[in-house]
Amino acid sequence: MTEKLNITQIGSPIGRPAYQRKTLIALGLNKLHRSRSVDDTPENRGRIERVKHLLRVEPAKSRVRS
């Protein structure tokens, strides 16, 4: 099972380069304080690294089913 990361947009893309806006959209974010859970893959880590100043990143809490 793939690890997950919770990402929350905390910064605005207004006035930022177009590649940063497109990166946020690729991560599934487009408005402040919206959150997404994404797979912890090298591709997503690279995207997060490009816009880390606009995001808060936390490891996802795993659910235990009984």
PDB file of N, CA and C in Angstrom:
ATOM      1  N   MET A   1       0.841  -1.181   0.000  1.00  0.00           N
ATOM      2  CA  MET A   1       0.000   0.000   0.000  1.00  0.00           C
ATOM      3  C   MET A   1       0.884   1.240   0.000  1.00  0.00           C
ATOM      4  N   THR A   2       0.541   2.201  -0.815  1.00  0.00           N
ATOM      5  CA  THR A   2       1.320   3.413  -0.968  1.00  0.00           C
ATOM      6  C   THR A   2       1.058   4.372   0.190  1.00  0.00           C
ATOM      7  N   GLU A   3       2.137   4.987   0.659  1.00  0.00           N
ATOM      8  CA  GLU A   3       1.993   6.015   1.690  1.00  0.00           C
ATOM      9  C   GLU A   3       1.288   7.221   1.100  1.00  0.00           C
ATOM     10  N   LYS A   4       0.616   7.986   1.955  1.00  0.00           N
ATOM     11  CA  LYS A   4      -0.115   9.170   1.525  1.00  0.00           C
ATOM     12  C   LYS A   4       0.425  10.407   2.231  1.00  0.00           C
ATOM     13  N   LEU A   5       0.262  11.544   1.578  1.00  0.00           N
ATOM     14  CA  LEU A   5       0.601  12.832   2.166  1.00  0.00           C
ATOM     15  C   LEU A   5      -0.633  13.722   2.114  1.00  0.00           C
ATOM     16  N   ASN A   6      -0.872  14.460   3.178  1.00  0.00           N
ATOM     17  CA  ASN A   6      -1.931  15.470   3.175  1.00  0.00           C
ATOM     18  C   ASN A   6      -1.267  16.798   2.857  1.00  0.00           C
ATOM     19  N   ILE A   7      -1.743  17.452   1.809  1.00  0.00           N
ATOM     20  CA  ILE A   7      -1.206  18.759   1.445  1.00  0.00           C
ATOM     21  C   ILE A   7      -2.327  19.782   1.521  1.00  0.00           C
ATOM     22  N   THR A   8      -2.007  20.951   2.046  1.00  0.00           N
ATOM     23  CA  THR A   8      -2.965  22.046   2.183  1.00  0.00           C
ATOM     24  C   THR A   8      -2.344  23.288   1.574  1.00  0.00           C
ATOM     25  N   GLN A   9      -3.091  23.977   0.730  1.00  0.00           N
ATOM     26  CA  GLN A   9      -2.600  25.210   0.128  1.00  0.00           C
ATOM     27  C   GLN A   9      -2.739  26.334   1.143  1.00  0.00           C
ATOM     28  N   ILE A  10      -1.612  26.991   1.465  1.00  0.00           N
ATOM     29  CA  ILE A  10      -1.630  28.080   2.440  1.00  0.00           C
ATOM     30  C   ILE A  10      -1.183  29.402   1.830  1.00  0.00           C
ATOM     31  N   GLY A  11      -0.765  29.371   0.567  1.00  0.00           N
ATOM     32  CA  GLY A  11      -0.329  30.595  -0.101  1.00  0.00           C
ATOM     33  C   GLY A  11      -1.070  30.776  -1.413  1.00  0.00           C
ATOM     34  N   SER A  12      -1.192  32.027  -1.828  1.00  0.00           N
ATOM     35  CA  SER A  12      -1.905  32.351  -3.058  1.00  0.00           C
ATOM     36  C   SER A  12      -0.972  32.296  -4.261  1.00  0.00           C
ATOM     37  N   PRO A  13      -1.476  31.808  -5.403  1.00  0.00           N
ATOM     38  CA  PRO A  13      -0.657  31.811  -6.616  1.00  0.00           C
ATOM     39  C   PRO A  13      -0.704  33.150  -7.365  1.00  0.00           C
ATOM     40  N   ILE A  14      -1.430  34.133  -6.831  1.00  0.00           N
ATOM     41  CA  ILE A  14      -1.508  35.430  -7.501  1.00  0.00           C
ATOM     42  C   ILE A  14      -0.116  36.065  -7.525  1.00  0.00           C
ATOM     43  N   GLY A  15       0.289  36.483  -8.702  1.00  0.00           N
ATOM     44  CA  GLY A  15       1.591  37.120  -8.865  1.00  0.00           C
ATOM     45  C   GLY A  15       2.740  36.139  -8.966  1.00  0.00           C
ATOM     46  N   ARG A  16       2.450  34.862  -9.006  1.00  0.00           N
ATOM     47  CA  ARG A  16       3.481  33.834  -9.121  1.00  0.00           C
ATOM     48  C   ARG A  16       3.640  33.439 -10.587  1.00  0.00           C
ATOM     49  N   PRO A  17       4.765  32.828 -10.942  1.00  0.00           N
ATOM     50  CA  PRO A  17       4.945  32.356 -12.314  1.00  0.00           C
ATOM     51  C   PRO A  17       3.895  31.307 -12.689  1.00  0.00           C
ATOM     52  N   ALA A  18       3.617  31.210 -13.971  1.00  0.00           N
ATOM     53  CA  ALA A  18       2.581  30.301 -14.465  1.00  0.00           C
ATOM     54  C   ALA A  18       2.872  28.850 -14.089  1.00  0.00           C
ATOM     55  N   TYR A  19       4.154  28.446 -14.070  1.00  0.00           N
ATOM     56  CA  TYR A  19       4.462  27.052 -13.750  1.00  0.00           C
ATOM     57  C   TYR A  19       4.041  26.697 -12.327  1.00  0.00           C
ATOM     58  N   GLN A  20       4.060  27.677 -11.416  1.00  0.00           N
ATOM     59  CA  GLN A  20       3.638  27.395 -10.047  1.00  0.00           C
ATOM     60  C   GLN A  20       2.128  27.208  -9.969  1.00  0.00           C
ATOM     61  N   ARG A  21       1.376  28.001 -10.712  1.00  0.00           N
ATOM     62  CA  ARG A  21      -0.074  27.814 -10.764  1.00  0.00           C
ATOM     63  C   ARG A  21      -0.414  26.447 -11.336  1.00  0.00           C
ATOM     64  N   LYS A  22       0.256  26.073 -12.416  1.00  0.00           N
ATOM     65  CA  LYS A  22      -0.004  24.784 -13.061  1.00  0.00           C
ATOM     66  C   LYS A  22       0.373  23.624 -12.150  1.00  0.00           C
ATOM     67  N   THR A  23       1.423  23.794 -11.362  1.00  0.00           N
ATOM     68  CA  THR A  23       1.828  22.751 -10.428  1.00  0.00           C
ATOM     69  C   THR A  23       0.774  22.558  -9.344  1.00  0.00           C
ATOM     70  N   LEU A  24       0.214  23.641  -8.831  1.00  0.00           N
ATOM     71  CA  LEU A  24      -0.853  23.533  -7.833  1.00  0.00           C
ATOM     72  C   LEU A  24      -2.056  22.798  -8.420  1.00  0.00           C
ATOM     73  N   ILE A  25      -2.411  23.121  -9.657  1.00  0.00           N
ATOM     74  CA  ILE A  25      -3.536  22.456 -10.312  1.00  0.00           C
ATOM     75  C   ILE A  25      -3.236  20.970 -10.492  1.00  0.00           C
ATOM     76  N   ALA A  26      -1.996  20.642 -10.846  1.00  0.00           N
ATOM     77  CA  ALA A  26      -1.610  19.240 -11.003  1.00  0.00           C
ATOM     78  C   ALA A  26      -1.720  18.473  -9.686  1.00  0.00           C
ATOM     79  N   LEU A  27      -1.520  19.167  -8.578  1.00  0.00           N
ATOM     80  CA  LEU A  27      -1.659  18.543  -7.262  1.00  0.00           C
ATOM     81  C   LEU A  27      -3.119  18.516  -6.793  1.00  0.00           C
ATOM     82  N   GLY A  28      -4.015  19.115  -7.576  1.00  0.00           N
ATOM     83  CA  GLY A  28      -5.433  19.106  -7.234  1.00  0.00           C
ATOM     84  C   GLY A  28      -5.850  20.253  -6.331  1.00  0.00           C
ATOM     85  N   LEU A  29      -5.049  21.308  -6.296  1.00  0.00           N
ATOM     86  CA  LEU A  29      -5.352  22.464  -5.439  1.00  0.00           C
ATOM     87  C   LEU A  29      -5.596  23.688  -6.306  1.00  0.00           C
ATOM     88  N   ASN A  30      -6.544  24.534  -5.903  1.00  0.00           N
ATOM     89  CA  ASN A  30      -6.769  25.767  -6.649  1.00  0.00           C
ATOM     90  C   ASN A  30      -7.252  26.920  -5.781  1.00  0.00           C
ATOM     91  N   LYS A  31      -7.548  26.687  -4.523  1.00  0.00           N
ATOM     92  CA  LYS A  31      -7.995  27.765  -3.633  1.00  0.00           C
ATOM     93  C   LYS A  31      -7.332  27.596  -2.272  1.00  0.00           C
ATOM     94  N   LEU A  32      -7.191  28.708  -1.567  1.00  0.00           N
ATOM     95  CA  LEU A  32      -6.561  28.675  -0.253  1.00  0.00           C
ATOM     96  C   LEU A  32      -7.310  27.769   0.722  1.00  0.00           C
ATOM     97  N   HIS A  33      -6.550  27.118   1.573  1.00  0.00           N
ATOM     98  CA  HIS A  33      -7.038  26.269   2.658  1.00  0.00           C
ATOM     99  C   HIS A  33      -7.766  25.018   2.174  1.00  0.00           C
ATOM    100  N   ARG A  34      -7.597  24.655   0.928  1.00  0.00           N
ATOM    101  CA  ARG A  34      -8.120  23.386   0.435  1.00  0.00           C
ATOM    102  C   ARG A  34      -7.061  22.327   0.657  1.00  0.00           C
ATOM    103  N   SER A  35      -7.501  21.118   0.949  1.00  0.00           N
ATOM    104  CA  SER A  35      -6.586  20.014   1.229  1.00  0.00           C
ATOM    105  C   SER A  35      -6.832  18.856   0.285  1.00  0.00           C
ATOM    106  N   ARG A  36      -5.783  18.101   0.035  1.00  0.00           N
ATOM    107  CA  ARG A  36      -5.853  16.887  -0.767  1.00  0.00           C
ATOM    108  C   ARG A  36      -4.939  15.847  -0.141  1.00  0.00           C
ATOM    109  N   SER A  37      -5.279  14.616  -0.367  1.00  0.00           N
ATOM    110  CA  SER A  37      -4.428  13.509   0.033  1.00  0.00           C
ATOM    111  C   SER A  37      -3.848  12.922  -1.250  1.00  0.00           C
ATOM    112  N   VAL A  38      -2.525  12.919  -1.361  1.00  0.00           N
ATOM    113  CA  VAL A  38      -1.860  12.426  -2.564  1.00  0.00           C
ATOM    114  C   VAL A  38      -0.905  11.300  -2.199  1.00  0.00           C
ATOM    115  N   ASP A  39      -0.615  10.451  -3.178  1.00  0.00           N
ATOM    116  CA  ASP A  39       0.358   9.379  -2.969  1.00  0.00           C
ATOM    117  C   ASP A  39       1.748   9.969  -2.781  1.00  0.00           C
ATOM    118  N   ASP A  40       2.534   9.333  -1.934  1.00  0.00           N
ATOM    119  CA  ASP A  40       3.912   9.770  -1.694  1.00  0.00           C
ATOM    120  C   ASP A  40       4.809   9.105  -2.737  1.00  0.00           C
ATOM    121  N   THR A  41       4.831   9.702  -3.931  1.00  0.00           N
ATOM    122  CA  THR A  41       5.649   9.186  -5.029  1.00  0.00           C
ATOM    123  C   THR A  41       6.721  10.216  -5.367  1.00  0.00           C
ATOM    124  N   PRO A  42       7.773   9.816  -6.062  1.00  0.00           N
ATOM    125  CA  PRO A  42       8.793  10.790  -6.463  1.00  0.00           C
ATOM    126  C   PRO A  42       8.219  11.925  -7.327  1.00  0.00           C
ATOM    127  N   GLU A  43       7.233  11.610  -8.160  1.00  0.00           N
ATOM    128  CA  GLU A  43       6.628  12.633  -9.012  1.00  0.00           C
ATOM    129  C   GLU A  43       5.922  13.692  -8.167  1.00  0.00           C
ATOM    130  N   ASN A  44       5.124  13.251  -7.209  1.00  0.00           N
ATOM    131  CA  ASN A  44       4.423  14.201  -6.345  1.00  0.00           C
ATOM    132  C   ASN A  44       5.381  14.945  -5.435  1.00  0.00           C
ATOM    133  N   ARG A  45       6.432  14.284  -4.972  1.00  0.00           N
ATOM    134  CA  ARG A  45       7.441  14.969  -4.149  1.00  0.00           C
ATOM    135  C   ARG A  45       8.103  16.095  -4.931  1.00  0.00           C
ATOM    136  N   GLY A  46       8.355  15.861  -6.223  1.00  0.00           N
ATOM    137  CA  GLY A  46       8.937  16.901  -7.069  1.00  0.00           C
ATOM    138  C   GLY A  46       8.000  18.074  -7.245  1.00  0.00           C
ATOM    139  N   ARG A  47       6.713  17.783  -7.434  1.00  0.00           N
ATOM    140  CA  ARG A  47       5.724  18.856  -7.567  1.00  0.00           C
ATOM    141  C   ARG A  47       5.641  19.673  -6.276  1.00  0.00           C
ATOM    142  N   ILE A  48       5.620  18.968  -5.154  1.00  0.00           N
ATOM    143  CA  ILE A  48       5.544  19.642  -3.854  1.00  0.00           C
ATOM    144  C   ILE A  48       6.777  20.517  -3.644  1.00  0.00           C
ATOM    145  N   GLU A  49       7.945  20.039  -4.045  1.00  0.00           N
ATOM    146  CA  GLU A  49       9.186  20.796  -3.877  1.00  0.00           C
ATOM    147  C   GLU A  49       9.144  22.121  -4.649  1.00  0.00           C
ATOM    148  N   ARG A  50       8.505  22.136  -5.810  1.00  0.00           N
ATOM    149  CA  ARG A  50       8.442  23.350  -6.639  1.00  0.00           C
ATOM    150  C   ARG A  50       7.582  24.445  -6.006  1.00  0.00           C
ATOM    151  N   VAL A  51       6.596  24.053  -5.211  1.00  0.00           N
ATOM    152  CA  VAL A  51       5.682  25.044  -4.620  1.00  0.00           C
ATOM    153  C   VAL A  51       5.596  24.889  -3.095  1.00  0.00           C
ATOM    154  N   LYS A  52       6.673  24.425  -2.481  1.00  0.00           N
ATOM    155  CA  LYS A  52       6.646  24.157  -1.035  1.00  0.00           C
ATOM    156  C   LYS A  52       6.352  25.406  -0.212  1.00  0.00           C
ATOM    157  N   HIS A  53       6.651  26.584  -0.753  1.00  0.00           N
ATOM    158  CA  HIS A  53       6.377  27.840  -0.036  1.00  0.00           C
ATOM    159  C   HIS A  53       4.882  28.178  -0.029  1.00  0.00           C
ATOM    160  N   LEU A  54       4.085  27.458  -0.821  1.00  0.00           N
ATOM    161  CA  LEU A  54       2.642  27.691  -0.880  1.00  0.00           C
ATOM    162  C   LEU A  54       1.848  26.577  -0.197  1.00  0.00           C
ATOM    163  N   LEU A  55       2.536  25.576   0.347  1.00  0.00           N
ATOM    164  CA  LEU A  55       1.870  24.384   0.876  1.00  0.00           C
ATOM    165  C   LEU A  55       2.261  24.088   2.303  1.00  0.00           C
ATOM    166  N   ARG A  56       1.379  23.361   2.990  1.00  0.00           N
ATOM    167  CA  ARG A  56       1.707  22.696   4.254  1.00  0.00           C
ATOM    168  C   ARG A  56       1.574  21.205   3.965  1.00  0.00           C
ATOM    169  N   VAL A  57       2.612  20.445   4.268  1.00  0.00           N
ATOM    170  CA  VAL A  57       2.647  19.016   3.957  1.00  0.00           C
ATOM    171  C   VAL A  57       2.742  18.234   5.259  1.00  0.00           C
ATOM    172  N   GLU A  58       1.861  17.237   5.398  1.00  0.00           N
ATOM    173  CA  GLU A  58       1.856  16.375   6.584  1.00  0.00           C
ATOM    174  C   GLU A  58       1.666  14.934   6.142  1.00  0.00           C
ATOM    175  N   PRO A  59       2.233  13.995   6.869  1.00  0.00           N
ATOM    176  CA  PRO A  59       1.945  12.590   6.553  1.00  0.00           C
ATOM    177  C   PRO A  59       0.487  12.292   6.887  1.00  0.00           C
ATOM    178  N   ALA A  60      -0.143  11.495   6.043  1.00  0.00           N
ATOM    179  CA  ALA A  60      -1.551  11.149   6.267  1.00  0.00           C
ATOM    180  C   ALA A  60      -1.648  10.167   7.421  1.00  0.00           C
ATOM    181  N   LYS A  61      -2.685  10.331   8.200  1.00  0.00           N
ATOM    182  CA  LYS A  61      -2.923   9.399   9.297  1.00  0.00           C
ATOM    183  C   LYS A  61      -3.595   8.154   8.724  1.00  0.00           C
ATOM    184  N   SER A  62      -3.049   7.025   9.057  1.00  0.00           N
ATOM    185  CA  SER A  62      -3.621   5.790   8.519  1.00  0.00           C
ATOM    186  C   SER A  62      -4.831   5.358   9.353  1.00  0.00           C
ATOM    187  N   ARG A  63      -5.808   4.838   8.665  1.00  0.00           N
ATOM    188  CA  ARG A  63      -7.006   4.328   9.336  1.00  0.00           C
ATOM    189  C   ARG A  63      -6.837   2.850   9.586  1.00  0.00           C
ATOM    190  N   VAL A  64      -7.173   2.438  10.768  1.00  0.00           N
ATOM    191  CA  VAL A  64      -7.101   1.029  11.116  1.00  0.00           C
ATOM    192  C   VAL A  64      -8.542   0.504  11.150  1.00  0.00           C
ATOM    193  N   ARG A  65      -8.791  -0.473  10.315  1.00  0.00           N
ATOM    194  CA  ARG A  65     -10.121  -1.065  10.295  1.00  0.00           C
ATOM    195  C   ARG A  65     -10.122  -2.364  11.073  1.00  0.00           C
ATOM    196  N   SER A  66     -11.177  -2.556  11.818  1.00  0.00           N
ATOM    197  CA  SER A  66     -11.249  -3.797  12.592  1.00  0.00           C
ATOM    198  C   SER A  66     -12.463  -4.603  12.228  1.00  0.00           C
TER     199      SER A  66
END
